Every structure is written in C-alpha cells, then in structure tokens.
Amino acid sequence: MSEDDPIELGLHQTMNAVAEAMAQTFPGLCFALFVFTPDDPRANYISNAKRQDMLAVMREFIDRNQNKAN
C-alpha cells in the first residue's frame, strides 16, 4: 500500500459512512479518521480537510505529544 492507494475495498463504504456522520456531528470542523491494525503501521485514511492542512495539524499534534509519557 502506498500513500496514494485508495482505502481498502472492505473498509471504503464503512469509512465513508463514518466520515459523513462526523461531518454532520461536527459541522464546520475538519477531521481525519485513521484505521489500522496494531501490527501494520500503514493506515487507511479519510478526511474532509485539504491534505496540506491535515499534514500541518498532524505535525503539530506529533510535536506536542511525542515526548509525553504514555
């Protein structure tokens, strides 16, 4: 799976439904949903934000949380 691969076929419909519910629940807010298994770091991803905006938010989140204790 590369970074540009589509959502896995078995998850596509469910992830789209969850994304639609999130958009209705959080109107006007951006979101991202990542779905992955613990043994594989590759994730299926869906978002209503522009890719560059979501990457900036993810970098900020990682920077703020990387050194915090579990």
PDB file of N, CA and C in Angstrom:
ATOM      1  N   MET A   1       0.848  -1.174   0.000  1.00  0.00           N
ATOM      2  CA  MET A   1       0.000   0.000   0.000  1.00  0.00           C
ATOM      3  C   MET A   1       0.892   1.235   0.000  1.00  0.00           C
ATOM      4  N   SER A   2       0.714   2.122  -0.947  1.00  0.00           N
ATOM      5  CA  SER A   2       1.472   3.369  -0.970  1.00  0.00           C
ATOM      6  C   SER A   2       0.605   4.482  -0.395  1.00  0.00           C
ATOM      7  N   GLU A   3       1.200   5.653  -0.211  1.00  0.00           N
ATOM      8  CA  GLU A   3       0.456   6.762   0.385  1.00  0.00           C
ATOM      9  C   GLU A   3      -0.703   7.224  -0.487  1.00  0.00           C
ATOM     10  N   ASP A   4      -0.670   6.892  -1.761  1.00  0.00           N
ATOM     11  CA  ASP A   4      -1.739   7.313  -2.658  1.00  0.00           C
ATOM     12  C   ASP A   4      -2.741   6.211  -2.977  1.00  0.00           C
ATOM     13  N   ASP A   5      -2.561   5.041  -2.358  1.00  0.00           N
ATOM     14  CA  ASP A   5      -3.506   3.957  -2.591  1.00  0.00           C
ATOM     15  C   ASP A   5      -4.866   4.341  -2.026  1.00  0.00           C
ATOM     16  N   PRO A   6      -5.940   3.878  -2.653  1.00  0.00           N
ATOM     17  CA  PRO A   6      -7.275   4.154  -2.120  1.00  0.00           C
ATOM     18  C   PRO A   6      -7.514   3.343  -0.845  1.00  0.00           C
ATOM     19  N   ILE A   7      -8.578   3.706  -0.146  1.00  0.00           N
ATOM     20  CA  ILE A   7      -8.982   2.950   1.037  1.00  0.00           C
ATOM     21  C   ILE A   7      -9.218   1.505   0.626  1.00  0.00           C
ATOM     22  N   GLU A   8      -8.827   0.578   1.505  1.00  0.00           N
ATOM     23  CA  GLU A   8      -9.046  -0.840   1.222  1.00  0.00           C
ATOM     24  C   GLU A   8     -10.529  -1.070   0.919  1.00  0.00           C
ATOM     25  N   LEU A   9     -10.781  -1.880  -0.072  1.00  0.00           N
ATOM     26  CA  LEU A   9     -12.138  -2.096  -0.577  1.00  0.00           C
ATOM     27  C   LEU A   9     -13.117  -2.460   0.542  1.00  0.00           C
ATOM     28  N   GLY A  10     -12.723  -3.340   1.443  1.00  0.00           N
ATOM     29  CA  GLY A  10     -13.629  -3.776   2.514  1.00  0.00           C
ATOM     30  C   GLY A  10     -13.964  -2.689   3.519  1.00  0.00           C
ATOM     31  N   LEU A  11     -13.176  -1.624   3.560  1.00  0.00           N
ATOM     32  CA  LEU A  11     -13.395  -0.540   4.519  1.00  0.00           C
ATOM     33  C   LEU A  11     -14.005   0.706   3.893  1.00  0.00           C
ATOM     34  N   HIS A  12     -13.980   0.790   2.586  1.00  0.00           N
ATOM     35  CA  HIS A  12     -14.361   2.018   1.889  1.00  0.00           C
ATOM     36  C   HIS A  12     -15.760   2.498   2.261  1.00  0.00           C
ATOM     37  N   GLN A  13     -16.740   1.663   2.149  1.00  0.00           N
ATOM     38  CA  GLN A  13     -18.125   2.058   2.414  1.00  0.00           C
ATOM     39  C   GLN A  13     -18.306   2.460   3.880  1.00  0.00           C
ATOM     40  N   THR A  14     -17.734   1.702   4.796  1.00  0.00           N
ATOM     41  CA  THR A  14     -17.872   1.997   6.218  1.00  0.00           C
ATOM     42  C   THR A  14     -17.183   3.305   6.581  1.00  0.00           C
ATOM     43  N   MET A  15     -15.970   3.512   6.064  1.00  0.00           N
ATOM     44  CA  MET A  15     -15.249   4.742   6.372  1.00  0.00           C
ATOM     45  C   MET A  15     -15.973   5.959   5.797  1.00  0.00           C
ATOM     46  N   ASN A  16     -16.538   5.846   4.622  1.00  0.00           N
ATOM     47  CA  ASN A  16     -17.314   6.945   4.058  1.00  0.00           C
ATOM     48  C   ASN A  16     -18.547   7.249   4.913  1.00  0.00           C
ATOM     49  N   ALA A  17     -19.194   6.216   5.423  1.00  0.00           N
ATOM     50  CA  ALA A  17     -20.371   6.417   6.275  1.00  0.00           C
ATOM     51  C   ALA A  17     -19.979   7.099   7.582  1.00  0.00           C
ATOM     52  N   VAL A  18     -18.873   6.680   8.168  1.00  0.00           N
ATOM     53  CA  VAL A  18     -18.399   7.302   9.408  1.00  0.00           C
ATOM     54  C   VAL A  18     -18.010   8.756   9.141  1.00  0.00           C
ATOM     55  N   ALA A  19     -17.330   9.011   8.027  1.00  0.00           N
ATOM     56  CA  ALA A  19     -16.944  10.378   7.677  1.00  0.00           C
ATOM     57  C   ALA A  19     -18.175  11.263   7.499  1.00  0.00           C
ATOM     58  N   GLU A  20     -19.209  10.747   6.876  1.00  0.00           N
ATOM     59  CA  GLU A  20     -20.439  11.520   6.709  1.00  0.00           C
ATOM     60  C   GLU A  20     -21.065  11.818   8.064  1.00  0.00           C
ATOM     61  N   ALA A  21     -21.088  10.839   8.954  1.00  0.00           N
ATOM     62  CA  ALA A  21     -21.637  11.059  10.299  1.00  0.00           C
ATOM     63  C   ALA A  21     -20.806  12.085  11.067  1.00  0.00           C
ATOM     64  N   MET A  22     -19.479  12.031  10.917  1.00  0.00           N
ATOM     65  CA  MET A  22     -18.621  13.005  11.588  1.00  0.00           C
ATOM     66  C   MET A  22     -18.879  14.408  11.046  1.00  0.00           C
ATOM     67  N   ALA A  23     -19.031  14.545   9.757  1.00  0.00           N
ATOM     68  CA  ALA A  23     -19.289  15.851   9.147  1.00  0.00           C
ATOM     69  C   ALA A  23     -20.602  16.440   9.656  1.00  0.00           C
ATOM     70  N   GLN A  24     -21.601  15.595   9.850  1.00  0.00           N
ATOM     71  CA  GLN A  24     -22.885  16.066  10.373  1.00  0.00           C
ATOM     72  C   GLN A  24     -22.803  16.380  11.861  1.00  0.00           C
ATOM     73  N   THR A  25     -21.999  15.617  12.590  1.00  0.00           N
ATOM     74  CA  THR A  25     -21.866  15.800  14.034  1.00  0.00           C
ATOM     75  C   THR A  25     -21.030  17.018  14.381  1.00  0.00           C
ATOM     76  N   PHE A  26     -20.026  17.300  13.556  1.00  0.00           N
ATOM     77  CA  PHE A  26     -19.107  18.407  13.797  1.00  0.00           C
ATOM     78  C   PHE A  26     -19.142  19.400  12.626  1.00  0.00           C
ATOM     79  N   PRO A  27     -20.283  20.038  12.387  1.00  0.00           N
ATOM     80  CA  PRO A  27     -20.377  20.930  11.233  1.00  0.00           C
ATOM     81  C   PRO A  27     -19.370  22.075  11.341  1.00  0.00           C
ATOM     82  N   GLY A  28     -18.719  22.359  10.229  1.00  0.00           N
ATOM     83  CA  GLY A  28     -17.752  23.444  10.182  1.00  0.00           C
ATOM     84  C   GLY A  28     -16.365  23.087  10.682  1.00  0.00           C
ATOM     85  N   LEU A  29     -16.179  21.878  11.204  1.00  0.00           N
ATOM     86  CA  LEU A  29     -14.874  21.446  11.698  1.00  0.00           C
ATOM     87  C   LEU A  29     -14.253  20.447  10.733  1.00  0.00           C
ATOM     88  N   CYS A  30     -12.946  20.431  10.710  1.00  0.00           N
ATOM     89  CA  CYS A  30     -12.226  19.434   9.912  1.00  0.00           C
ATOM     90  C   CYS A  30     -11.926  18.225  10.775  1.00  0.00           C
ATOM     91  N   PHE A  31     -11.783  17.079  10.146  1.00  0.00           N
ATOM     92  CA  PHE A  31     -11.490  15.847  10.872  1.00  0.00           C
ATOM     93  C   PHE A  31     -10.691  14.902   9.989  1.00  0.00           C
ATOM     94  N   ALA A  32     -10.110  13.913  10.628  1.00  0.00           N
ATOM     95  CA  ALA A  32      -9.451  12.810   9.927  1.00  0.00           C
ATOM     96  C   ALA A  32      -9.754  11.535  10.688  1.00  0.00           C
ATOM     97  N   LEU A  33      -9.897  10.466   9.963  1.00  0.00           N
ATOM     98  CA  LEU A  33     -10.112   9.150  10.549  1.00  0.00           C
ATOM     99  C   LEU A  33      -9.036   8.230   9.999  1.00  0.00           C
ATOM    100  N   PHE A  34      -8.288   7.606  10.906  1.00  0.00           N
ATOM    101  CA  PHE A  34      -7.267   6.634  10.533  1.00  0.00           C
ATOM    102  C   PHE A  34      -7.699   5.278  11.068  1.00  0.00           C
ATOM    103  N   VAL A  35      -7.631   4.261  10.234  1.00  0.00           N
ATOM    104  CA  VAL A  35      -7.974   2.900  10.632  1.00  0.00           C
ATOM    105  C   VAL A  35      -6.789   2.018  10.281  1.00  0.00           C
ATOM    106  N   PHE A  36      -6.288   1.272  11.284  1.00  0.00           N
ATOM    107  CA  PHE A  36      -5.113   0.441  11.063  1.00  0.00           C
ATOM    108  C   PHE A  36      -5.111  -0.715  12.052  1.00  0.00           C
ATOM    109  N   THR A  37      -4.297  -1.707  11.764  1.00  0.00           N
ATOM    110  CA  THR A  37      -4.120  -2.810  12.694  1.00  0.00           C
ATOM    111  C   THR A  37      -2.848  -2.566  13.504  1.00  0.00           C
ATOM    112  N   PRO A  38      -2.780  -3.065  14.730  1.00  0.00           N
ATOM    113  CA  PRO A  38      -1.619  -2.813  15.576  1.00  0.00           C
ATOM    114  C   PRO A  38      -0.299  -3.313  14.995  1.00  0.00           C
ATOM    115  N   ASP A  39      -0.333  -4.320  14.145  1.00  0.00           N
ATOM    116  CA  ASP A  39       0.899  -4.903  13.626  1.00  0.00           C
ATOM    117  C   ASP A  39       1.320  -4.361  12.256  1.00  0.00           C
ATOM    118  N   ASP A  40       0.601  -3.350  11.751  1.00  0.00           N
ATOM    119  CA  ASP A  40       0.927  -2.783  10.444  1.00  0.00           C
ATOM    120  C   ASP A  40       0.787  -1.263  10.528  1.00  0.00           C
ATOM    121  N   PRO A  41       1.876  -0.527  10.402  1.00  0.00           N
ATOM    122  CA  PRO A  41       1.802   0.922  10.568  1.00  0.00           C
ATOM    123  C   PRO A  41       1.097   1.659   9.425  1.00  0.00           C
ATOM    124  N   ARG A  42       0.800   0.963   8.341  1.00  0.00           N
ATOM    125  CA  ARG A  42       0.079   1.614   7.237  1.00  0.00           C
ATOM    126  C   ARG A  42      -1.382   1.779   7.635  1.00  0.00           C
ATOM    127  N   ALA A  43      -1.926   2.938   7.390  1.00  0.00           N
ATOM    128  CA  ALA A  43      -3.298   3.215   7.808  1.00  0.00           C
ATOM    129  C   ALA A  43      -4.170   3.573   6.619  1.00  0.00           C
ATOM    130  N   ASN A  44      -5.429   3.235   6.729  1.00  0.00           N
ATOM    131  CA  ASN A  44      -6.434   3.753   5.819  1.00  0.00           C
ATOM    132  C   ASN A  44      -6.868   5.090   6.405  1.00  0.00           C
ATOM    133  N   TYR A  45      -7.105   6.085   5.560  1.00  0.00           N
ATOM    134  CA  TYR A  45      -7.282   7.458   5.991  1.00  0.00           C
ATOM    135  C   TYR A  45      -8.383   8.127   5.192  1.00  0.00           C
ATOM    136  N   ILE A  46      -9.221   8.887   5.893  1.00  0.00           N
ATOM    137  CA  ILE A  46     -10.219   9.708   5.222  1.00  0.00           C
ATOM    138  C   ILE A  46     -10.325  11.016   6.001  1.00  0.00           C
ATOM    139  N   SER A  47     -10.499  12.117   5.287  1.00  0.00           N
ATOM    140  CA  SER A  47     -10.562  13.422   5.917  1.00  0.00           C
ATOM    141  C   SER A  47     -11.391  14.357   5.059  1.00  0.00           C
ATOM    142  N   ASN A  48     -11.920  15.392   5.699  1.00  0.00           N
ATOM    143  CA  ASN A  48     -12.626  16.426   4.945  1.00  0.00           C
ATOM    144  C   ASN A  48     -11.765  17.678   4.796  1.00  0.00           C
ATOM    145  N   ALA A  49     -10.500  17.606   5.196  1.00  0.00           N
ATOM    146  CA  ALA A  49      -9.584  18.741   5.107  1.00  0.00           C
ATOM    147  C   ALA A  49      -8.674  18.597   3.894  1.00  0.00           C
ATOM    148  N   LYS A  50      -8.119  19.711   3.470  1.00  0.00           N
ATOM    149  CA  LYS A  50      -7.111  19.663   2.425  1.00  0.00           C
ATOM    150  C   LYS A  50      -5.896  18.912   2.965  1.00  0.00           C
ATOM    151  N   ARG A  51      -5.241  18.159   2.088  1.00  0.00           N
ATOM    152  CA  ARG A  51      -4.107  17.335   2.510  1.00  0.00           C
ATOM    153  C   ARG A  51      -3.039  18.156   3.224  1.00  0.00           C
ATOM    154  N   GLN A  52      -2.655  19.324   2.673  1.00  0.00           N
ATOM    155  CA  GLN A  52      -1.589  20.108   3.294  1.00  0.00           C
ATOM    156  C   GLN A  52      -2.013  20.637   4.666  1.00  0.00           C
ATOM    157  N   ASP A  53      -3.286  20.956   4.851  1.00  0.00           N
ATOM    158  CA  ASP A  53      -3.767  21.410   6.154  1.00  0.00           C
ATOM    159  C   ASP A  53      -3.739  20.271   7.171  1.00  0.00           C
ATOM    160  N   MET A  54      -4.163  19.086   6.744  1.00  0.00           N
ATOM    161  CA  MET A  54      -4.168  17.944   7.657  1.00  0.00           C
ATOM    162  C   MET A  54      -2.747  17.554   8.033  1.00  0.00           C
ATOM    163  N   LEU A  55      -1.816  17.612   7.078  1.00  0.00           N
ATOM    164  CA  LEU A  55      -0.418  17.302   7.396  1.00  0.00           C
ATOM    165  C   LEU A  55       0.136  18.281   8.422  1.00  0.00           C
ATOM    166  N   ALA A  56      -0.205  19.560   8.300  1.00  0.00           N
ATOM    167  CA  ALA A  56       0.261  20.555   9.268  1.00  0.00           C
ATOM    168  C   ALA A  56      -0.306  20.269  10.654  1.00  0.00           C
ATOM    169  N   VAL A  57      -1.572  19.906  10.731  1.00  0.00           N
ATOM    170  CA  VAL A  57      -2.194  19.580  12.014  1.00  0.00           C
ATOM    171  C   VAL A  57      -1.554  18.329  12.608  1.00  0.00           C
ATOM    172  N   MET A  58      -1.303  17.325  11.779  1.00  0.00           N
ATOM    173  CA  MET A  58      -0.681  16.091  12.278  1.00  0.00           C
ATOM    174  C   MET A  58       0.729  16.360  12.789  1.00  0.00           C
ATOM    175  N   ARG A  59       1.505  17.190  12.087  1.00  0.00           N
ATOM    176  CA  ARG A  59       2.859  17.530  12.549  1.00  0.00           C
ATOM    177  C   ARG A  59       2.803  18.232  13.898  1.00  0.00           C
ATOM    178  N   GLU A  60       1.887  19.169  14.040  1.00  0.00           N
ATOM    179  CA  GLU A  60       1.726  19.890  15.301  1.00  0.00           C
ATOM    180  C   GLU A  60       1.333  18.928  16.422  1.00  0.00           C
ATOM    181  N   PHE A  61       0.400  18.032  16.142  1.00  0.00           N
ATOM    182  CA  PHE A  61      -0.026  17.041  17.131  1.00  0.00           C
ATOM    183  C   PHE A  61       1.148  16.163  17.561  1.00  0.00           C
ATOM    184  N   ILE A  62       1.918  15.683  16.607  1.00  0.00           N
ATOM    185  CA  ILE A  62       3.072  14.834  16.923  1.00  0.00           C
ATOM    186  C   ILE A  62       4.095  15.602  17.736  1.00  0.00           C
ATOM    187  N   ASP A  63       4.399  16.838  17.323  1.00  0.00           N
ATOM    188  CA  ASP A  63       5.363  17.645  18.060  1.00  0.00           C
ATOM    189  C   ASP A  63       4.948  17.855  19.512  1.00  0.00           C
ATOM    190  N   ARG A  64       3.667  18.121  19.742  1.00  0.00           N
ATOM    191  CA  ARG A  64       3.180  18.362  21.104  1.00  0.00           C
ATOM    192  C   ARG A  64       3.130  17.100  21.936  1.00  0.00           C
ATOM    193  N   ASN A  65       2.976  15.943  21.318  1.00  0.00           N
ATOM    194  CA  ASN A  65       2.738  14.717  22.063  1.00  0.00           C
ATOM    195  C   ASN A  65       3.878  13.718  22.056  1.00  0.00           C
ATOM    196  N   GLN A  66       4.882  13.925  21.249  1.00  0.00           N
ATOM    197  CA  GLN A  66       5.911  12.921  21.065  1.00  0.00           C
ATOM    198  C   GLN A  66       6.655  12.569  22.351  1.00  0.00           C
ATOM    199  N   ASN A  67       6.931  13.519  23.202  1.00  0.00           N
ATOM    200  CA  ASN A  67       7.723  13.246  24.391  1.00  0.00           C
ATOM    201  C   ASN A  67       6.896  13.090  25.658  1.00  0.00           C
ATOM    202  N   LYS A  68       5.584  13.058  25.542  1.00  0.00           N
ATOM    203  CA  LYS A  68       4.725  12.861  26.714  1.00  0.00           C
ATOM    204  C   LYS A  68       4.725  11.402  27.111  1.00  0.00           C
ATOM    205  N   ALA A  69       4.635  11.163  28.405  1.00  0.00           N
ATOM    206  CA  ALA A  69       4.596   9.779  28.915  1.00  0.00           C
ATOM    207  C   ALA A  69       3.277   9.125  28.494  1.00  0.00           C
ATOM    208  N   ASN A  70       3.333   7.820  28.314  1.00  0.00           N
ATOM    209  CA  ASN A  70       2.127   7.057  27.933  1.00  0.00           C
ATOM    210  C   ASN A  70       1.166   6.958  29.074  1.00  0.00           C
TER     211      ASN A  70
END
